[in-house]
Amino acid sequence: MAPTATTATTRPGIVNTFEILKLIAGIVLLVAVSWEVIGGDHIHLSRTYLTVQFVVCIVFLCDFFVRLAAAERRGRFFWHNILFLLLSIPWVNITVWSGADTTHDWGIVVSLLPLLRALLAMVIVVRWMVSANRMRRLFAAYIFTVVVFTYISALVFYDYEVLVNPKLHGFGNALWWAWMNVTTVGAEIFPVTAIGKVFCVMLPSLGMMFFPIFTTYVLQEYTHKKASDD
């Protein structure tokens, strides 16, 4: 019975360790993508960036299989979380190793896939750090999601448009464009690439979908404060 008890005690500790590693890996990947897009040549993926991408994906894969081993119903866990497994595979590195001709633009977009999983981990941590109030936790997750997604959209827009869009001058312009679109105000910089047009539609859609959450939060806080004063 002793080995079984030890194993049962150890597994949660390993899972929690990977939660921290996954969060750190996500932050590192976001920094690496930012460095590659803002400081890169927009033609080739650097070897350093590919190495970071591979290491981060390995961390995510290890996290998946550790959770799979700790799950009581492994088959159910596998099929319920297969999307996380697919997002953790280093597709960019596999493409490069296979000798396939990969453009910088598509390499950046594909390498953002692991960030989707990292974003989920970051949202969970943000919600955990906020008070137990359900609406405040939802609002914190909302703010975090909008900020990170807007920043990533600016990165992708800049990477695709900087060489072909005469109105785009520097990453600051791309960041301004992203924030103007997510607030549904719009910007004078119009996309000329297919990916840029896709994000030009996605950002206002995201803003419109999440705006009711902001409104509900403000109303709840106002009602709660008014009830406390009375």
C-alpha atoms as a PDB file:
ATOM      1  CA  MET A   1       0.000   0.000   0.000  1.00  0.00           C
ATOM      2  CA  ALA A   2       2.924   2.377   0.669  1.00  0.00           C
ATOM      3  CA  PRO A   3       4.046   2.725  -3.002  1.00  0.00           C
ATOM      4  CA  THR A   4       0.453   3.373  -4.050  1.00  0.00           C
ATOM      5  CA  ALA A   5       0.009   6.095  -1.429  1.00  0.00           C
ATOM      6  CA  THR A   6       3.326   7.662  -2.409  1.00  0.00           C
ATOM      7  CA  THR A   7       2.364   7.653  -6.062  1.00  0.00           C
ATOM      8  CA  ALA A   8      -1.030   9.197  -5.320  1.00  0.00           C
ATOM      9  CA  THR A   9       0.672  11.936  -3.319  1.00  0.00           C
ATOM     10  CA  THR A  10       3.377  12.558  -5.922  1.00  0.00           C
ATOM     11  CA  ARG A  11       1.128  12.879  -8.969  1.00  0.00           C
ATOM     12  CA  PRO A  12      -0.660  16.090  -7.878  1.00  0.00           C
ATOM     13  CA  GLY A  13       2.726  17.615  -7.105  1.00  0.00           C
ATOM     14  CA  ILE A  14       4.015  16.794 -10.584  1.00  0.00           C
ATOM     15  CA  VAL A  15       0.851  18.145 -12.176  1.00  0.00           C
ATOM     16  CA  ASN A  16       1.146  21.400 -10.207  1.00  0.00           C
ATOM     17  CA  THR A  17       4.812  21.686 -11.207  1.00  0.00           C
ATOM     18  CA  PHE A  18       3.871  21.395 -14.850  1.00  0.00           C
ATOM     19  CA  GLU A  19       1.218  24.079 -14.364  1.00  0.00           C
ATOM     20  CA  ILE A  20       3.988  26.487 -13.383  1.00  0.00           C
ATOM     21  CA  LEU A  21       6.285  25.266 -16.176  1.00  0.00           C
ATOM     22  CA  LYS A  22       3.458  25.623 -18.680  1.00  0.00           C
ATOM     23  CA  LEU A  23       2.828  29.210 -17.604  1.00  0.00           C
ATOM     24  CA  ILE A  24       6.534  30.078 -17.856  1.00  0.00           C
ATOM     25  CA  ALA A  25       6.775  28.342 -21.237  1.00  0.00           C
ATOM     26  CA  GLY A  26       3.821  30.342 -22.523  1.00  0.00           C
ATOM     27  CA  ILE A  27       5.389  33.631 -21.462  1.00  0.00           C
ATOM     28  CA  VAL A  28       8.728  32.637 -23.010  1.00  0.00           C
ATOM     29  CA  LEU A  29       7.020  31.702 -26.272  1.00  0.00           C
ATOM     30  CA  LEU A  30       5.125  35.010 -26.379  1.00  0.00           C
ATOM     31  CA  VAL A  31       8.388  36.915 -25.848  1.00  0.00           C
ATOM     32  CA  ALA A  32      10.124  34.804 -28.519  1.00  0.00           C
ATOM     33  CA  VAL A  33       7.340  35.419 -31.053  1.00  0.00           C
ATOM     34  CA  SER A  34       7.458  39.147 -30.293  1.00  0.00           C
ATOM     35  CA  TRP A  35      11.218  39.238 -30.759  1.00  0.00           C
ATOM     36  CA  GLU A  36      11.025  37.256 -34.001  1.00  0.00           C
ATOM     37  CA  VAL A  37       8.291  39.436 -35.507  1.00  0.00           C
ATOM     38  CA  ILE A  38       9.475  42.867 -34.369  1.00  0.00           C
ATOM     39  CA  GLY A  39      13.224  42.273 -34.726  1.00  0.00           C
ATOM     40  CA  GLY A  40      13.283  39.648 -37.481  1.00  0.00           C
ATOM     41  CA  ASP A  41      13.714  40.042 -41.230  1.00  0.00           C
ATOM     42  CA  HIS A  42      10.144  38.809 -42.002  1.00  0.00           C
ATOM     43  CA  ILE A  43      11.611  36.286 -44.456  1.00  0.00           C
ATOM     44  CA  HIS A  44      13.335  33.544 -42.451  1.00  0.00           C
ATOM     45  CA  LEU A  45      12.683  31.979 -39.060  1.00  0.00           C
ATOM     46  CA  SER A  46      15.760  32.220 -36.854  1.00  0.00           C
ATOM     47  CA  ARG A  47      17.365  29.114 -35.390  1.00  0.00           C
ATOM     48  CA  THR A  48      16.988  30.517 -31.867  1.00  0.00           C
ATOM     49  CA  TYR A  49      13.264  30.976 -32.346  1.00  0.00           C
ATOM     50  CA  LEU A  50      12.845  27.444 -33.693  1.00  0.00           C
ATOM     51  CA  THR A  51      14.713  26.092 -30.664  1.00  0.00           C
ATOM     52  CA  VAL A  52      12.483  28.004 -28.236  1.00  0.00           C
ATOM     53  CA  GLN A  53       9.394  26.807 -30.110  1.00  0.00           C
ATOM     54  CA  PHE A  54      10.542  23.183 -29.864  1.00  0.00           C
ATOM     55  CA  VAL A  55      11.373  23.349 -26.136  1.00  0.00           C
ATOM     56  CA  VAL A  56       8.044  24.984 -25.296  1.00  0.00           C
ATOM     57  CA  CYS A  57       6.127  22.343 -27.251  1.00  0.00           C
ATOM     58  CA  ILE A  58       8.023  19.593 -25.426  1.00  0.00           C
ATOM     59  CA  VAL A  59       6.948  21.120 -22.100  1.00  0.00           C
ATOM     60  CA  PHE A  60       3.318  21.143 -23.260  1.00  0.00           C
ATOM     61  CA  LEU A  61       3.556  17.540 -24.499  1.00  0.00           C
ATOM     62  CA  CYS A  62       5.051  16.395 -21.195  1.00  0.00           C
ATOM     63  CA  ASP A  63       2.249  18.180 -19.340  1.00  0.00           C
ATOM     64  CA  PHE A  64      -0.352  16.397 -21.463  1.00  0.00           C
ATOM     65  CA  PHE A  65       1.094  12.922 -20.898  1.00  0.00           C
ATOM     66  CA  VAL A  66       1.631  13.527 -17.155  1.00  0.00           C
ATOM     67  CA  ARG A  67      -2.036  14.465 -16.845  1.00  0.00           C
ATOM     68  CA  LEU A  68      -2.969  11.457 -18.957  1.00  0.00           C
ATOM     69  CA  ALA A  69      -1.024   9.157 -16.619  1.00  0.00           C
ATOM     70  CA  ALA A  70      -2.666  10.755 -13.561  1.00  0.00           C
ATOM     71  CA  ALA A  71      -6.210  10.530 -14.970  1.00  0.00           C
ATOM     72  CA  GLU A  72      -8.519   7.847 -13.597  1.00  0.00           C
ATOM     73  CA  ARG A  73     -10.200   7.314 -16.992  1.00  0.00           C
ATOM     74  CA  ARG A  74      -7.361   7.752 -19.448  1.00  0.00           C
ATOM     75  CA  GLY A  75      -9.314   7.007 -22.584  1.00  0.00           C
ATOM     76  CA  ARG A  76     -11.893   9.648 -21.756  1.00  0.00           C
ATOM     77  CA  PHE A  77      -9.185  12.149 -20.805  1.00  0.00           C
ATOM     78  CA  PHE A  78      -7.348  11.541 -24.073  1.00  0.00           C
ATOM     79  CA  TRP A  79     -10.345  12.176 -26.318  1.00  0.00           C
ATOM     80  CA  HIS A  80     -11.577  15.123 -24.272  1.00  0.00           C
ATOM     81  CA  ASN A  81      -8.167  16.788 -24.476  1.00  0.00           C
ATOM     82  CA  ILE A  82      -6.953  15.718 -27.887  1.00  0.00           C
ATOM     83  CA  LEU A  83      -7.099  19.327 -29.088  1.00  0.00           C
ATOM     84  CA  PHE A  84      -4.506  20.266 -26.455  1.00  0.00           C
ATOM     85  CA  LEU A  85      -2.303  17.440 -27.736  1.00  0.00           C
ATOM     86  CA  LEU A  86      -2.571  18.697 -31.306  1.00  0.00           C
ATOM     87  CA  LEU A  87      -1.773  22.254 -30.205  1.00  0.00           C
ATOM     88  CA  SER A  88       1.330  21.020 -28.384  1.00  0.00           C
ATOM     89  CA  ILE A  89       2.969  19.331 -31.378  1.00  0.00           C
ATOM     90  CA  PRO A  90       5.921  21.383 -32.789  1.00  0.00           C
ATOM     91  CA  TRP A  91       4.488  21.580 -36.305  1.00  0.00           C
ATOM     92  CA  VAL A  92       6.901  24.291 -37.431  1.00  0.00           C
ATOM     93  CA  ASN A  93       9.955  22.294 -36.387  1.00  0.00           C
ATOM     94  CA  ILE A  94       8.599  19.146 -38.040  1.00  0.00           C
ATOM     95  CA  THR A  95       8.026  21.084 -41.266  1.00  0.00           C
ATOM     96  CA  VAL A  96      11.556  22.490 -41.212  1.00  0.00           C
ATOM     97  CA  TRP A  97      13.097  19.091 -40.445  1.00  0.00           C
ATOM     98  CA  SER A  98      11.168  17.521 -43.318  1.00  0.00           C
ATOM     99  CA  GLY A  99      12.813  19.939 -45.725  1.00  0.00           C
ATOM    100  CA  ALA A 100       9.531  21.491 -46.824  1.00  0.00           C
ATOM    101  CA  ASP A 101       9.598  25.068 -48.041  1.00  0.00           C
ATOM    102  CA  THR A 102       8.074  27.101 -45.203  1.00  0.00           C
ATOM    103  CA  THR A 103       7.556  30.829 -45.545  1.00  0.00           C
ATOM    104  CA  HIS A 104       8.183  33.092 -42.587  1.00  0.00           C
ATOM    105  CA  ASP A 105       4.565  34.280 -42.558  1.00  0.00           C
ATOM    106  CA  TRP A 106       2.993  30.842 -42.302  1.00  0.00           C
ATOM    107  CA  GLY A 107       5.698  29.729 -39.891  1.00  0.00           C
ATOM    108  CA  ILE A 108       4.718  32.514 -37.497  1.00  0.00           C
ATOM    109  CA  VAL A 109       1.000  31.720 -37.754  1.00  0.00           C
ATOM    110  CA  VAL A 110       1.523  27.979 -37.166  1.00  0.00           C
ATOM    111  CA  SER A 111       3.929  28.631 -34.306  1.00  0.00           C
ATOM    112  CA  LEU A 112       1.210  30.659 -32.567  1.00  0.00           C
ATOM    113  CA  LEU A 113      -0.867  27.493 -32.082  1.00  0.00           C
ATOM    114  CA  PRO A 114       0.910  26.473 -28.845  1.00  0.00           C
ATOM    115  CA  LEU A 115       0.145  29.968 -27.540  1.00  0.00           C
ATOM    116  CA  LEU A 116      -3.538  29.047 -27.540  1.00  0.00           C
ATOM    117  CA  ARG A 117      -2.809  26.428 -24.925  1.00  0.00           C
ATOM    118  CA  ALA A 118      -0.522  28.763 -23.021  1.00  0.00           C
ATOM    119  CA  LEU A 119      -3.253  31.398 -23.085  1.00  0.00           C
ATOM    120  CA  LEU A 120      -5.638  28.975 -21.385  1.00  0.00           C
ATOM    121  CA  ALA A 121      -3.098  28.340 -18.630  1.00  0.00           C
ATOM    122  CA  MET A 122      -2.575  32.081 -18.152  1.00  0.00           C
ATOM    123  CA  VAL A 123      -6.314  32.731 -17.965  1.00  0.00           C
ATOM    124  CA  ILE A 124      -6.680  30.060 -15.280  1.00  0.00           C
ATOM    125  CA  VAL A 125      -3.886  31.639 -13.240  1.00  0.00           C
ATOM    126  CA  VAL A 126      -5.394  35.111 -13.609  1.00  0.00           C
ATOM    127  CA  ARG A 127      -8.777  33.857 -12.432  1.00  0.00           C
ATOM    128  CA  TRP A 128      -7.107  32.092  -9.485  1.00  0.00           C
ATOM    129  CA  MET A 129      -5.328  35.301  -8.445  1.00  0.00           C
ATOM    130  CA  VAL A 130      -8.563  37.291  -8.361  1.00  0.00           C
ATOM    131  CA  SER A 131     -11.055  37.166  -5.497  1.00  0.00           C
ATOM    132  CA  ALA A 132     -13.606  34.382  -5.192  1.00  0.00           C
ATOM    133  CA  ASN A 133     -16.310  36.621  -6.665  1.00  0.00           C
ATOM    134  CA  ARG A 134     -17.372  34.786  -9.818  1.00  0.00           C
ATOM    135  CA  MET A 135     -18.102  37.913 -11.827  1.00  0.00           C
ATOM    136  CA  ARG A 136     -14.778  39.520 -10.934  1.00  0.00           C
ATOM    137  CA  ARG A 137     -12.920  36.366 -11.924  1.00  0.00           C
ATOM    138  CA  LEU A 138     -14.775  36.290 -15.245  1.00  0.00           C
ATOM    139  CA  PHE A 139     -14.068  39.964 -15.805  1.00  0.00           C
ATOM    140  CA  ALA A 140     -10.346  39.486 -15.065  1.00  0.00           C
ATOM    141  CA  ALA A 141     -10.188  36.579 -17.516  1.00  0.00           C
ATOM    142  CA  TYR A 142     -12.029  38.730 -20.060  1.00  0.00           C
ATOM    143  CA  ILE A 143      -9.602  41.626 -19.751  1.00  0.00           C
ATOM    144  CA  PHE A 144      -6.600  39.316 -19.951  1.00  0.00           C
ATOM    145  CA  THR A 145      -7.935  37.477 -23.004  1.00  0.00           C
ATOM    146  CA  VAL A 146      -8.735  40.672 -24.896  1.00  0.00           C
ATOM    147  CA  VAL A 147      -5.346  42.235 -24.122  1.00  0.00           C
ATOM    148  CA  VAL A 148      -3.313  39.177 -25.121  1.00  0.00           C
ATOM    149  CA  PHE A 149      -5.364  38.401 -28.224  1.00  0.00           C
ATOM    150  CA  THR A 150      -5.158  42.035 -29.350  1.00  0.00           C
ATOM    151  CA  TYR A 151      -1.395  42.016 -28.876  1.00  0.00           C
ATOM    152  CA  ILE A 152      -1.013  38.750 -30.814  1.00  0.00           C
ATOM    153  CA  SER A 153      -3.226  40.132 -33.583  1.00  0.00           C
ATOM    154  CA  ALA A 154      -0.949  43.164 -33.802  1.00  0.00           C
ATOM    155  CA  LEU A 155       2.066  40.866 -34.129  1.00  0.00           C
ATOM    156  CA  VAL A 156       0.493  38.829 -36.932  1.00  0.00           C
ATOM    157  CA  PHE A 157      -0.796  41.930 -38.714  1.00  0.00           C
ATOM    158  CA  TYR A 158       2.615  43.575 -38.535  1.00  0.00           C
ATOM    159  CA  ASP A 159       4.440  40.479 -39.751  1.00  0.00           C
ATOM    160  CA  TYR A 160       2.180  40.071 -42.778  1.00  0.00           C
ATOM    161  CA  GLU A 161       1.650  43.711 -43.682  1.00  0.00           C
ATOM    162  CA  VAL A 162       4.908  45.507 -42.930  1.00  0.00           C
ATOM    163  CA  LEU A 163       6.533  44.689 -46.276  1.00  0.00           C
ATOM    164  CA  VAL A 164       3.471  45.336 -48.454  1.00  0.00           C
ATOM    165  CA  ASN A 165       1.348  47.951 -46.671  1.00  0.00           C
ATOM    166  CA  PRO A 166       2.601  51.520 -47.278  1.00  0.00           C
ATOM    167  CA  LYS A 167       0.496  52.897 -44.415  1.00  0.00           C
ATOM    168  CA  LEU A 168       2.093  50.663 -41.775  1.00  0.00           C
ATOM    169  CA  HIS A 169       5.137  52.283 -40.161  1.00  0.00           C
ATOM    170  CA  GLY A 170       6.517  50.252 -37.272  1.00  0.00           C
ATOM    171  CA  PHE A 171       4.975  47.893 -34.730  1.00  0.00           C
ATOM    172  CA  GLY A 172       3.472  50.807 -32.825  1.00  0.00           C
ATOM    173  CA  ASN A 173       1.153  51.455 -35.773  1.00  0.00           C
ATOM    174  CA  ALA A 174       0.147  47.785 -35.823  1.00  0.00           C
ATOM    175  CA  LEU A 175      -0.621  47.839 -32.108  1.00  0.00           C
ATOM    176  CA  TRP A 176      -2.683  50.994 -32.515  1.00  0.00           C
ATOM    177  CA  TRP A 177      -4.541  49.386 -35.445  1.00  0.00           C
ATOM    178  CA  ALA A 178      -5.361  46.308 -33.333  1.00  0.00           C
ATOM    179  CA  TRP A 179      -6.713  48.323 -30.392  1.00  0.00           C
ATOM    180  CA  MET A 180      -8.798  50.576 -32.622  1.00  0.00           C
ATOM    181  CA  ASN A 181     -10.376  47.530 -34.226  1.00  0.00           C
ATOM    182  CA  VAL A 182     -11.049  45.579 -31.035  1.00  0.00           C
ATOM    183  CA  THR A 183     -12.864  48.625 -29.667  1.00  0.00           C
ATOM    184  CA  THR A 184     -14.837  48.700 -32.960  1.00  0.00           C
ATOM    185  CA  VAL A 185     -13.688  52.270 -33.622  1.00  0.00           C
ATOM    186  CA  GLY A 186     -11.656  51.336 -36.681  1.00  0.00           C
ATOM    187  CA  ALA A 187      -8.367  52.669 -38.020  1.00  0.00           C
ATOM    188  CA  GLU A 188      -7.086  54.408 -41.135  1.00  0.00           C
ATOM    189  CA  ILE A 189      -4.684  51.521 -41.787  1.00  0.00           C
ATOM    190  CA  PHE A 190      -6.425  49.057 -44.084  1.00  0.00           C
ATOM    191  CA  PRO A 191      -5.117  45.490 -44.530  1.00  0.00           C
ATOM    192  CA  VAL A 192      -3.948  44.359 -47.950  1.00  0.00           C
ATOM    193  CA  THR A 193      -3.176  40.698 -47.201  1.00  0.00           C
ATOM    194  CA  ALA A 194      -5.672  37.880 -46.648  1.00  0.00           C
ATOM    195  CA  ILE A 195      -4.511  37.242 -43.068  1.00  0.00           C
ATOM    196  CA  GLY A 196      -4.671  40.943 -42.276  1.00  0.00           C
ATOM    197  CA  LYS A 197      -8.265  41.082 -43.519  1.00  0.00           C
ATOM    198  CA  VAL A 198      -9.189  38.041 -41.425  1.00  0.00           C
ATOM    199  CA  PHE A 199      -7.893  39.684 -38.253  1.00  0.00           C
ATOM    200  CA  CYS A 200      -9.587  42.930 -39.249  1.00  0.00           C
ATOM    201  CA  VAL A 201     -12.885  41.034 -39.007  1.00  0.00           C
ATOM    202  CA  MET A 202     -12.009  38.951 -35.933  1.00  0.00           C
ATOM    203  CA  LEU A 203     -10.968  41.840 -33.698  1.00  0.00           C
ATOM    204  CA  PRO A 204     -14.232  43.839 -33.833  1.00  0.00           C
ATOM    205  CA  SER A 205     -16.150  40.567 -33.489  1.00  0.00           C
ATOM    206  CA  LEU A 206     -14.193  39.771 -30.322  1.00  0.00           C
ATOM    207  CA  GLY A 207     -14.874  43.229 -28.965  1.00  0.00           C
ATOM    208  CA  MET A 208     -18.612  42.970 -29.612  1.00  0.00           C
ATOM    209  CA  MET A 209     -18.839  39.493 -28.058  1.00  0.00           C
ATOM    210  CA  PHE A 210     -17.053  40.484 -24.862  1.00  0.00           C
ATOM    211  CA  PHE A 211     -18.550  43.933 -24.391  1.00  0.00           C
ATOM    212  CA  PRO A 212     -21.703  42.550 -22.656  1.00  0.00           C
ATOM    213  CA  ILE A 213     -19.428  40.972 -20.028  1.00  0.00           C
ATOM    214  CA  PHE A 214     -17.937  44.377 -19.287  1.00  0.00           C
ATOM    215  CA  THR A 215     -21.389  45.959 -19.072  1.00  0.00           C
ATOM    216  CA  THR A 216     -22.680  43.206 -16.765  1.00  0.00           C
ATOM    217  CA  TYR A 217     -19.660  43.590 -14.482  1.00  0.00           C
ATOM    218  CA  VAL A 218     -20.098  47.362 -14.168  1.00  0.00           C
ATOM    219  CA  LEU A 219     -23.821  47.008 -13.432  1.00  0.00           C
ATOM    220  CA  GLN A 220     -23.195  44.315 -10.836  1.00  0.00           C
ATOM    221  CA  GLU A 221     -20.542  46.380  -9.081  1.00  0.00           C
ATOM    222  CA  TYR A 222     -22.791  49.439  -9.099  1.00  0.00           C
ATOM    223  CA  THR A 223     -25.749  47.457  -7.746  1.00  0.00           C
ATOM    224  CA  HIS A 224     -23.598  45.849  -5.049  1.00  0.00           C
ATOM    225  CA  LYS A 225     -22.181  49.199  -3.967  1.00  0.00           C
ATOM    226  CA  LYS A 226     -25.601  50.819  -3.910  1.00  0.00           C
ATOM    227  CA  ALA A 227     -26.997  47.947  -1.811  1.00  0.00           C
ATOM    228  CA  SER A 228     -24.088  48.331   0.636  1.00  0.00           C
ATOM    229  CA  ASP A 229     -24.690  52.073   1.001  1.00  0.00           C
ATOM    230  CA  ASP A 230     -28.382  51.493   1.691  1.00  0.00           C
END
